[in-house]
Amino acid sequence: MSSRYDYKEAISLVHKLILKYDIAATCCVSSFNHDLLAELEELSRIHGAASPVESIYLYNYYDNDELPHPDIFSNRGKGINISSTKLTKEVV
């Protein structure tokens, strides 16, 4: 059985590379791992990057997954990606 990866270490490396190559304005990080994205946002805040690394929260990995309450997904990152089957007027 393989050990679980350290998401904090992984996103720290991604964040460092984005800053090193000065590409924050032209990329974003998306993931179903919301803890990873929260860590990315914290790294951007701590480092005070002039162009913080943008995050896109992914939802609905499975069709039967329900969206969380809008207060949750509307206050995270710079956007969300959801299944078109979950797209409603209220979500927009």
PDB file of N, CA and C in Angstrom:
ATOM      1  N   MET A   1       0.854  -1.184   0.000  1.00  0.00           N
ATOM      2  CA  MET A   1       0.000   0.000   0.000  1.00  0.00           C
ATOM      3  C   MET A   1       0.894   1.239   0.000  1.00  0.00           C
ATOM      4  N   SER A   2       0.636   2.152  -0.910  1.00  0.00           N
ATOM      5  CA  SER A   2       1.457   3.361  -0.981  1.00  0.00           C
ATOM      6  C   SER A   2       1.000   4.366   0.068  1.00  0.00           C
ATOM      7  N   SER A   3       1.944   5.160   0.521  1.00  0.00           N
ATOM      8  CA  SER A   3       1.589   6.171   1.513  1.00  0.00           C
ATOM      9  C   SER A   3       0.918   7.354   0.812  1.00  0.00           C
ATOM     10  N   ARG A   4       0.076   8.018   1.533  1.00  0.00           N
ATOM     11  CA  ARG A   4      -0.644   9.171   0.990  1.00  0.00           C
ATOM     12  C   ARG A   4       0.330  10.329   0.797  1.00  0.00           C
ATOM     13  N   TYR A   5       0.170  11.066  -0.272  1.00  0.00           N
ATOM     14  CA  TYR A   5       1.072  12.182  -0.524  1.00  0.00           C
ATOM     15  C   TYR A   5       0.813  13.323   0.460  1.00  0.00           C
ATOM     16  N   ASP A   6       1.823  14.126   0.676  1.00  0.00           N
ATOM     17  CA  ASP A   6       1.717  15.281   1.563  1.00  0.00           C
ATOM     18  C   ASP A   6       1.258  16.473   0.722  1.00  0.00           C
ATOM     19  N   TYR A   7      -0.040  16.783   0.775  1.00  0.00           N
ATOM     20  CA  TYR A   7      -0.573  17.839  -0.076  1.00  0.00           C
ATOM     21  C   TYR A   7       0.032  19.194   0.241  1.00  0.00           C
ATOM     22  N   LYS A   8       0.400  19.436   1.497  1.00  0.00           N
ATOM     23  CA  LYS A   8       1.008  20.725   1.847  1.00  0.00           C
ATOM     24  C   LYS A   8       2.374  20.872   1.187  1.00  0.00           C
ATOM     25  N   GLU A   9       3.128  19.796   1.172  1.00  0.00           N
ATOM     26  CA  GLU A   9       4.432  19.819   0.516  1.00  0.00           C
ATOM     27  C   GLU A   9       4.258  19.977  -1.000  1.00  0.00           C
ATOM     28  N   ALA A  10       3.298  19.269  -1.563  1.00  0.00           N
ATOM     29  CA  ALA A  10       3.070  19.318  -3.012  1.00  0.00           C
ATOM     30  C   ALA A  10       2.651  20.712  -3.463  1.00  0.00           C
ATOM     31  N   ILE A  11       1.703  21.328  -2.770  1.00  0.00           N
ATOM     32  CA  ILE A  11       1.233  22.647  -3.208  1.00  0.00           C
ATOM     33  C   ILE A  11       2.264  23.721  -2.914  1.00  0.00           C
ATOM     34  N   SER A  12       3.078  23.518  -1.884  1.00  0.00           N
ATOM     35  CA  SER A  12       4.170  24.460  -1.616  1.00  0.00           C
ATOM     36  C   SER A  12       5.151  24.478  -2.783  1.00  0.00           C
ATOM     37  N   LEU A  13       5.470  23.307  -3.305  1.00  0.00           N
ATOM     38  CA  LEU A  13       6.372  23.212  -4.452  1.00  0.00           C
ATOM     39  C   LEU A  13       5.741  23.876  -5.685  1.00  0.00           C
ATOM     40  N   VAL A  14       4.470  23.616  -5.928  1.00  0.00           N
ATOM     41  CA  VAL A  14       3.778  24.243  -7.055  1.00  0.00           C
ATOM     42  C   VAL A  14       3.809  25.760  -6.910  1.00  0.00           C
ATOM     43  N   HIS A  15       3.498  26.257  -5.722  1.00  0.00           N
ATOM     44  CA  HIS A  15       3.483  27.698  -5.467  1.00  0.00           C
ATOM     45  C   HIS A  15       4.862  28.306  -5.714  1.00  0.00           C
ATOM     46  N   LYS A  16       5.909  27.668  -5.219  1.00  0.00           N
ATOM     47  CA  LYS A  16       7.277  28.163  -5.424  1.00  0.00           C
ATOM     48  C   LYS A  16       7.627  28.221  -6.908  1.00  0.00           C
ATOM     49  N   LEU A  17       7.245  27.194  -7.660  1.00  0.00           N
ATOM     50  CA  LEU A  17       7.553  27.174  -9.094  1.00  0.00           C
ATOM     51  C   LEU A  17       6.793  28.261  -9.846  1.00  0.00           C
ATOM     52  N   ILE A  18       5.542  28.475  -9.490  1.00  0.00           N
ATOM     53  CA  ILE A  18       4.750  29.531 -10.130  1.00  0.00           C
ATOM     54  C   ILE A  18       5.389  30.887  -9.892  1.00  0.00           C
ATOM     55  N   LEU A  19       5.828  31.133  -8.651  1.00  0.00           N
ATOM     56  CA  LEU A  19       6.482  32.405  -8.349  1.00  0.00           C
ATOM     57  C   LEU A  19       7.854  32.503  -9.015  1.00  0.00           C
ATOM     58  N   LYS A  20       8.607  31.420  -8.999  1.00  0.00           N
ATOM     59  CA  LYS A  20       9.951  31.414  -9.599  1.00  0.00           C
ATOM     60  C   LYS A  20       9.895  31.792 -11.071  1.00  0.00           C
ATOM     61  N   TYR A  21       8.938  31.233 -11.791  1.00  0.00           N
ATOM     62  CA  TYR A  21       8.828  31.488 -13.223  1.00  0.00           C
ATOM     63  C   TYR A  21       7.881  32.638 -13.554  1.00  0.00           C
ATOM     64  N   ASP A  22       7.395  33.332 -12.522  1.00  0.00           N
ATOM     65  CA  ASP A  22       6.567  34.520 -12.682  1.00  0.00           C
ATOM     66  C   ASP A  22       5.382  34.280 -13.625  1.00  0.00           C
ATOM     67  N   ILE A  23       4.616  33.229 -13.336  1.00  0.00           N
ATOM     68  CA  ILE A  23       3.488  32.883 -14.206  1.00  0.00           C
ATOM     69  C   ILE A  23       2.135  32.961 -13.485  1.00  0.00           C
ATOM     70  N   ALA A  24       2.113  33.596 -12.320  1.00  0.00           N
ATOM     71  CA  ALA A  24       0.870  33.658 -11.548  1.00  0.00           C
ATOM     72  C   ALA A  24      -0.253  34.332 -12.322  1.00  0.00           C
ATOM     73  N   ALA A  25       0.089  35.292 -13.168  1.00  0.00           N
ATOM     74  CA  ALA A  25      -0.947  36.020 -13.906  1.00  0.00           C
ATOM     75  C   ALA A  25      -1.539  35.195 -15.049  1.00  0.00           C
ATOM     76  N   THR A  26      -0.897  34.082 -15.390  1.00  0.00           N
ATOM     77  CA  THR A  26      -1.348  33.323 -16.555  1.00  0.00           C
ATOM     78  C   THR A  26      -1.766  31.895 -16.233  1.00  0.00           C
ATOM     79  N   CYS A  27      -1.888  31.573 -14.957  1.00  0.00           N
ATOM     80  CA  CYS A  27      -2.289  30.205 -14.620  1.00  0.00           C
ATOM     81  C   CYS A  27      -3.174  30.190 -13.379  1.00  0.00           C
ATOM     82  N   CYS A  28      -3.800  29.057 -13.152  1.00  0.00           N
ATOM     83  CA  CYS A  28      -4.563  28.839 -11.931  1.00  0.00           C
ATOM     84  C   CYS A  28      -4.431  27.364 -11.573  1.00  0.00           C
ATOM     85  N   VAL A  29      -4.717  27.060 -10.331  1.00  0.00           N
ATOM     86  CA  VAL A  29      -4.654  25.685  -9.840  1.00  0.00           C
ATOM     87  C   VAL A  29      -6.070  25.255  -9.515  1.00  0.00           C
ATOM     88  N   SER A  30      -6.479  24.108 -10.051  1.00  0.00           N
ATOM     89  CA  SER A  30      -7.808  23.582  -9.751  1.00  0.00           C
ATOM     90  C   SER A  30      -7.665  22.196  -9.155  1.00  0.00           C
ATOM     91  N   SER A  31      -8.603  21.861  -8.255  1.00  0.00           N
ATOM     92  CA  SER A  31      -8.517  20.563  -7.595  1.00  0.00           C
ATOM     93  C   SER A  31      -9.839  20.223  -6.914  1.00  0.00           C
ATOM     94  N   PHE A  32     -10.060  18.915  -6.754  1.00  0.00           N
ATOM     95  CA  PHE A  32     -11.141  18.438  -5.899  1.00  0.00           C
ATOM     96  C   PHE A  32     -10.700  18.447  -4.443  1.00  0.00           C
ATOM     97  N   ASN A  33      -9.386  18.566  -4.207  1.00  0.00           N
ATOM     98  CA  ASN A  33      -8.839  18.594  -2.853  1.00  0.00           C
ATOM     99  C   ASN A  33      -8.909  20.030  -2.342  1.00  0.00           C
ATOM    100  N   HIS A  34      -9.953  20.340  -1.617  1.00  0.00           N
ATOM    101  CA  HIS A  34     -10.182  21.709  -1.167  1.00  0.00           C
ATOM    102  C   HIS A  34      -9.210  22.125  -0.072  1.00  0.00           C
ATOM    103  N   ASP A  35      -8.687  21.175   0.695  1.00  0.00           N
ATOM    104  CA  ASP A  35      -7.661  21.495   1.681  1.00  0.00           C
ATOM    105  C   ASP A  35      -6.397  21.992   0.985  1.00  0.00           C
ATOM    106  N   LEU A  36      -6.058  21.380  -0.131  1.00  0.00           N
ATOM    107  CA  LEU A  36      -4.893  21.779  -0.916  1.00  0.00           C
ATOM    108  C   LEU A  36      -5.070  23.214  -1.411  1.00  0.00           C
ATOM    109  N   LEU A  37      -6.238  23.548  -1.923  1.00  0.00           N
ATOM    110  CA  LEU A  37      -6.476  24.893  -2.434  1.00  0.00           C
ATOM    111  C   LEU A  37      -6.474  25.930  -1.319  1.00  0.00           C
ATOM    112  N   ALA A  38      -7.003  25.570  -0.158  1.00  0.00           N
ATOM    113  CA  ALA A  38      -6.960  26.479   0.993  1.00  0.00           C
ATOM    114  C   ALA A  38      -5.514  26.740   1.397  1.00  0.00           C
ATOM    115  N   GLU A  39      -4.673  25.716   1.328  1.00  0.00           N
ATOM    116  CA  GLU A  39      -3.244  25.875   1.629  1.00  0.00           C
ATOM    117  C   GLU A  39      -2.584  26.798   0.600  1.00  0.00           C
ATOM    118  N   LEU A  40      -2.938  26.654  -0.659  1.00  0.00           N
ATOM    119  CA  LEU A  40      -2.414  27.527  -1.706  1.00  0.00           C
ATOM    120  C   LEU A  40      -2.788  28.984  -1.427  1.00  0.00           C
ATOM    121  N   GLU A  41      -4.028  29.223  -1.064  1.00  0.00           N
ATOM    122  CA  GLU A  41      -4.471  30.580  -0.762  1.00  0.00           C
ATOM    123  C   GLU A  41      -3.723  31.147   0.437  1.00  0.00           C
ATOM    124  N   GLU A  42      -3.461  30.306   1.428  1.00  0.00           N
ATOM    125  CA  GLU A  42      -2.697  30.741   2.601  1.00  0.00           C
ATOM    126  C   GLU A  42      -1.257  31.076   2.210  1.00  0.00           C
ATOM    127  N   LEU A  43      -0.648  30.268   1.366  1.00  0.00           N
ATOM    128  CA  LEU A  43       0.722  30.548   0.902  1.00  0.00           C
ATOM    129  C   LEU A  43       0.770  31.875   0.147  1.00  0.00           C
ATOM    130  N   SER A  44      -0.202  32.126  -0.690  1.00  0.00           N
ATOM    131  CA  SER A  44      -0.248  33.391  -1.417  1.00  0.00           C
ATOM    132  C   SER A  44      -0.394  34.564  -0.450  1.00  0.00           C
ATOM    133  N   ARG A  45      -1.218  34.373   0.569  1.00  0.00           N
ATOM    134  CA  ARG A  45      -1.415  35.439   1.556  1.00  0.00           C
ATOM    135  C   ARG A  45      -0.125  35.689   2.340  1.00  0.00           C
ATOM    136  N   ILE A  46       0.513  34.636   2.800  1.00  0.00           N
ATOM    137  CA  ILE A  46       1.737  34.752   3.600  1.00  0.00           C
ATOM    138  C   ILE A  46       2.855  35.411   2.807  1.00  0.00           C
ATOM    139  N   HIS A  47       3.015  35.003   1.568  1.00  0.00           N
ATOM    140  CA  HIS A  47       4.113  35.501   0.744  1.00  0.00           C
ATOM    141  C   HIS A  47       3.799  36.841   0.106  1.00  0.00           C
ATOM    142  N   GLY A  48       2.573  37.288   0.239  1.00  0.00           N
ATOM    143  CA  GLY A  48       2.208  38.599  -0.269  1.00  0.00           C
ATOM    144  C   GLY A  48       2.529  38.786  -1.745  1.00  0.00           C
ATOM    145  N   ALA A  49       2.326  37.752  -2.514  1.00  0.00           N
ATOM    146  CA  ALA A  49       2.630  37.817  -3.938  1.00  0.00           C
ATOM    147  C   ALA A  49       1.845  38.951  -4.594  1.00  0.00           C
ATOM    148  N   ALA A  50       2.516  39.703  -5.456  1.00  0.00           N
ATOM    149  CA  ALA A  50       1.851  40.790  -6.176  1.00  0.00           C
ATOM    150  C   ALA A  50       0.707  40.233  -7.020  1.00  0.00           C
ATOM    151  N   SER A  51       0.899  39.050  -7.560  1.00  0.00           N
ATOM    152  CA  SER A  51      -0.143  38.354  -8.312  1.00  0.00           C
ATOM    153  C   SER A  51      -0.400  37.023  -7.627  1.00  0.00           C
ATOM    154  N   PRO A  52      -1.350  36.981  -6.707  1.00  0.00           N
ATOM    155  CA  PRO A  52      -1.597  35.713  -6.014  1.00  0.00           C
ATOM    156  C   PRO A  52      -1.996  34.614  -6.988  1.00  0.00           C
ATOM    157  N   VAL A  53      -1.646  33.398  -6.649  1.00  0.00           N
ATOM    158  CA  VAL A  53      -1.984  32.250  -7.479  1.00  0.00           C
ATOM    159  C   VAL A  53      -3.472  31.976  -7.322  1.00  0.00           C
ATOM    160  N   GLU A  54      -4.189  31.965  -8.426  1.00  0.00           N
ATOM    161  CA  GLU A  54      -5.635  31.779  -8.404  1.00  0.00           C
ATOM    162  C   GLU A  54      -5.994  30.306  -8.228  1.00  0.00           C
ATOM    163  N   SER A  55      -7.122  30.071  -7.575  1.00  0.00           N
ATOM    164  CA  SER A  55      -7.585  28.696  -7.350  1.00  0.00           C
ATOM    165  C   SER A  55      -9.014  28.543  -7.857  1.00  0.00           C
ATOM    166  N   ILE A  56      -9.290  27.364  -8.402  1.00  0.00           N
ATOM    167  CA  ILE A  56     -10.620  27.011  -8.886  1.00  0.00           C
ATOM    168  C   ILE A  56     -11.030  25.728  -8.168  1.00  0.00           C
ATOM    169  N   TYR A  57     -12.116  25.789  -7.446  1.00  0.00           N
ATOM    170  CA  TYR A  57     -12.592  24.629  -6.692  1.00  0.00           C
ATOM    171  C   TYR A  57     -13.446  23.737  -7.585  1.00  0.00           C
ATOM    172  N   LEU A  58     -13.117  22.467  -7.631  1.00  0.00           N
ATOM    173  CA  LEU A  58     -13.876  21.500  -8.422  1.00  0.00           C
ATOM    174  C   LEU A  58     -14.881  20.789  -7.522  1.00  0.00           C
ATOM    175  N   TYR A  59     -16.074  20.574  -8.036  1.00  0.00           N
ATOM    176  CA  TYR A  59     -17.136  19.873  -7.316  1.00  0.00           C
ATOM    177  C   TYR A  59     -17.726  18.798  -8.219  1.00  0.00           C
ATOM    178  N   ASN A  60     -18.549  17.946  -7.641  1.00  0.00           N
ATOM    179  CA  ASN A  60     -19.321  16.936  -8.369  1.00  0.00           C
ATOM    180  C   ASN A  60     -18.463  15.945  -9.132  1.00  0.00           C
ATOM    181  N   TYR A  61     -17.546  15.311  -8.426  1.00  0.00           N
ATOM    182  CA  TYR A  61     -16.746  14.262  -9.055  1.00  0.00           C
ATOM    183  C   TYR A  61     -17.652  13.150  -9.580  1.00  0.00           C
ATOM    184  N   TYR A  62     -18.688  12.863  -8.817  1.00  0.00           N
ATOM    185  CA  TYR A  62     -19.679  11.869  -9.231  1.00  0.00           C
ATOM    186  C   TYR A  62     -21.015  12.577  -9.452  1.00  0.00           C
ATOM    187  N   ASP A  63     -21.807  12.084 -10.383  1.00  0.00           N
ATOM    188  CA  ASP A  63     -23.088  12.722 -10.692  1.00  0.00           C
ATOM    189  C   ASP A  63     -24.019  12.818  -9.486  1.00  0.00           C
ATOM    190  N   ASN A  64     -23.901  11.874  -8.547  1.00  0.00           N
ATOM    191  CA  ASN A  64     -24.798  11.904  -7.388  1.00  0.00           C
ATOM    192  C   ASN A  64     -24.288  12.827  -6.279  1.00  0.00           C
ATOM    193  N   ASP A  65     -23.110  13.433  -6.436  1.00  0.00           N
ATOM    194  CA  ASP A  65     -22.609  14.396  -5.455  1.00  0.00           C
ATOM    195  C   ASP A  65     -23.434  15.670  -5.539  1.00  0.00           C
ATOM    196  N   GLU A  66     -23.856  16.148  -4.398  1.00  0.00           N
ATOM    197  CA  GLU A  66     -24.614  17.392  -4.355  1.00  0.00           C
ATOM    198  C   GLU A  66     -23.665  18.558  -4.086  1.00  0.00           C
ATOM    199  N   LEU A  67     -24.032  19.706  -4.584  1.00  0.00           N
ATOM    200  CA  LEU A  67     -23.253  20.910  -4.292  1.00  0.00           C
ATOM    201  C   LEU A  67     -23.471  21.304  -2.838  1.00  0.00           C
ATOM    202  N   PRO A  68     -22.443  21.887  -2.222  1.00  0.00           N
ATOM    203  CA  PRO A  68     -22.655  22.419  -0.878  1.00  0.00           C
ATOM    204  C   PRO A  68     -23.533  23.665  -0.959  1.00  0.00           C
ATOM    205  N   HIS A  69     -23.885  24.203   0.164  1.00  0.00           N
ATOM    206  CA  HIS A  69     -24.667  25.435   0.214  1.00  0.00           C
ATOM    207  C   HIS A  69     -23.899  26.534  -0.525  1.00  0.00           C
ATOM    208  N   PRO A  70     -24.590  27.406  -1.262  1.00  0.00           N
ATOM    209  CA  PRO A  70     -23.905  28.463  -2.025  1.00  0.00           C
ATOM    210  C   PRO A  70     -22.963  29.340  -1.198  1.00  0.00           C
ATOM    211  N   ASP A  71     -23.255  29.529   0.092  1.00  0.00           N
ATOM    212  CA  ASP A  71     -22.357  30.322   0.936  1.00  0.00           C
ATOM    213  C   ASP A  71     -20.962  29.712   0.985  1.00  0.00           C
ATOM    214  N   ILE A  72     -20.868  28.406   0.829  1.00  0.00           N
ATOM    215  CA  ILE A  72     -19.574  27.727   0.877  1.00  0.00           C
ATOM    216  C   ILE A  72     -18.826  27.915  -0.435  1.00  0.00           C
ATOM    217  N   PHE A  73     -19.450  27.573  -1.567  1.00  0.00           N
ATOM    218  CA  PHE A  73     -18.689  27.633  -2.811  1.00  0.00           C
ATOM    219  C   PHE A  73     -18.553  29.045  -3.378  1.00  0.00           C
ATOM    220  N   SER A  74     -19.373  29.978  -2.957  1.00  0.00           N
ATOM    221  CA  SER A  74     -19.242  31.340  -3.483  1.00  0.00           C
ATOM    222  C   SER A  74     -18.164  32.141  -2.767  1.00  0.00           C
ATOM    223  N   ASN A  75     -17.640  31.628  -1.674  1.00  0.00           N
ATOM    224  CA  ASN A  75     -16.606  32.331  -0.915  1.00  0.00           C
ATOM    225  C   ASN A  75     -15.250  31.660  -0.998  1.00  0.00           C
ATOM    226  N   ARG A  76     -15.048  30.805  -1.982  1.00  0.00           N
ATOM    227  CA  ARG A  76     -13.784  30.095  -2.125  1.00  0.00           C
ATOM    228  C   ARG A  76     -13.171  30.395  -3.477  1.00  0.00           C
ATOM    229  N   GLY A  77     -11.882  30.645  -3.470  1.00  0.00           N
ATOM    230  CA  GLY A  77     -11.136  30.785  -4.709  1.00  0.00           C
ATOM    231  C   GLY A  77     -11.700  31.834  -5.642  1.00  0.00           C
ATOM    232  N   LYS A  78     -11.297  31.754  -6.878  1.00  0.00           N
ATOM    233  CA  LYS A  78     -11.746  32.688  -7.903  1.00  0.00           C
ATOM    234  C   LYS A  78     -12.794  32.086  -8.811  1.00  0.00           C
ATOM    235  N   GLY A  79     -13.218  30.876  -8.525  1.00  0.00           N
ATOM    236  CA  GLY A  79     -14.242  30.248  -9.336  1.00  0.00           C
ATOM    237  C   GLY A  79     -14.472  28.821  -8.923  1.00  0.00           C
ATOM    238  N   ILE A  80     -15.488  28.243  -9.516  1.00  0.00           N
ATOM    239  CA  ILE A  80     -15.788  26.837  -9.271  1.00  0.00           C
ATOM    240  C   ILE A  80     -16.007  26.148 -10.610  1.00  0.00           C
ATOM    241  N   ASN A  81     -15.896  24.865 -10.616  1.00  0.00           N
ATOM    242  CA  ASN A  81     -16.186  24.055 -11.780  1.00  0.00           C
ATOM    243  C   ASN A  81     -17.143  22.974 -11.308  1.00  0.00           C
ATOM    244  N   ILE A  82     -18.336  22.977 -11.881  1.00  0.00           N
ATOM    245  CA  ILE A  82     -19.347  22.009 -11.480  1.00  0.00           C
ATOM    246  C   ILE A  82     -19.905  21.305 -12.709  1.00  0.00           C
ATOM    247  N   SER A  83     -20.561  20.216 -12.483  1.00  0.00           N
ATOM    248  CA  SER A  83     -21.230  19.485 -13.551  1.00  0.00           C
ATOM    249  C   SER A  83     -22.359  20.337 -14.113  1.00  0.00           C
ATOM    250  N   SER A  84     -22.530  20.299 -15.425  1.00  0.00           N
ATOM    251  CA  SER A  84     -23.613  21.070 -16.043  1.00  0.00           C
ATOM    252  C   SER A  84     -24.984  20.624 -15.539  1.00  0.00           C
ATOM    253  N   THR A  85     -25.075  19.399 -15.028  1.00  0.00           N
ATOM    254  CA  THR A  85     -26.348  18.921 -14.495  1.00  0.00           C
ATOM    255  C   THR A  85     -26.723  19.636 -13.200  1.00  0.00           C
ATOM    256  N   LYS A  86     -25.756  20.297 -12.577  1.00  0.00           N
ATOM    257  CA  LYS A  86     -26.011  21.025 -11.319  1.00  0.00           C
ATOM    258  C   LYS A  86     -26.184  22.523 -11.543  1.00  0.00           C
ATOM    259  N   LEU A  87     -26.057  22.949 -12.780  1.00  0.00           N
ATOM    260  CA  LEU A  87     -26.135  24.378 -13.096  1.00  0.00           C
ATOM    261  C   LEU A  87     -27.587  24.836 -13.056  1.00  0.00           C
ATOM    262  N   THR A  88     -27.853  25.761 -12.155  1.00  0.00           N
ATOM    263  CA  THR A  88     -29.191  26.341 -12.025  1.00  0.00           C
ATOM    264  C   THR A  88     -29.074  27.854 -11.978  1.00  0.00           C
ATOM    265  N   LYS A  89     -30.169  28.524 -12.084  1.00  0.00           N
ATOM    266  CA  LYS A  89     -30.189  29.984 -11.991  1.00  0.00           C
ATOM    267  C   LYS A  89     -29.630  30.436 -10.639  1.00  0.00           C
ATOM    268  N   GLU A  90     -29.977  29.710  -9.577  1.00  0.00           N
ATOM    269  CA  GLU A  90     -29.510  30.070  -8.237  1.00  0.00           C
ATOM    270  C   GLU A  90     -27.996  29.920  -8.108  1.00  0.00           C
ATOM    271  N   VAL A  91     -27.430  28.916  -8.737  1.00  0.00           N
ATOM    272  CA  VAL A  91     -25.982  28.711  -8.677  1.00  0.00           C
ATOM    273  C   VAL A  91     -25.259  29.843  -9.402  1.00  0.00           C
ATOM    274  N   VAL A  92     -25.785  30.218 -10.565  1.00  0.00           N
ATOM    275  CA  VAL A  92     -25.166  31.304 -11.344  1.00  0.00           C
ATOM    276  C   VAL A  92     -25.252  32.595 -10.567  1.00  0.00           C
TER     277      VAL A  92
END
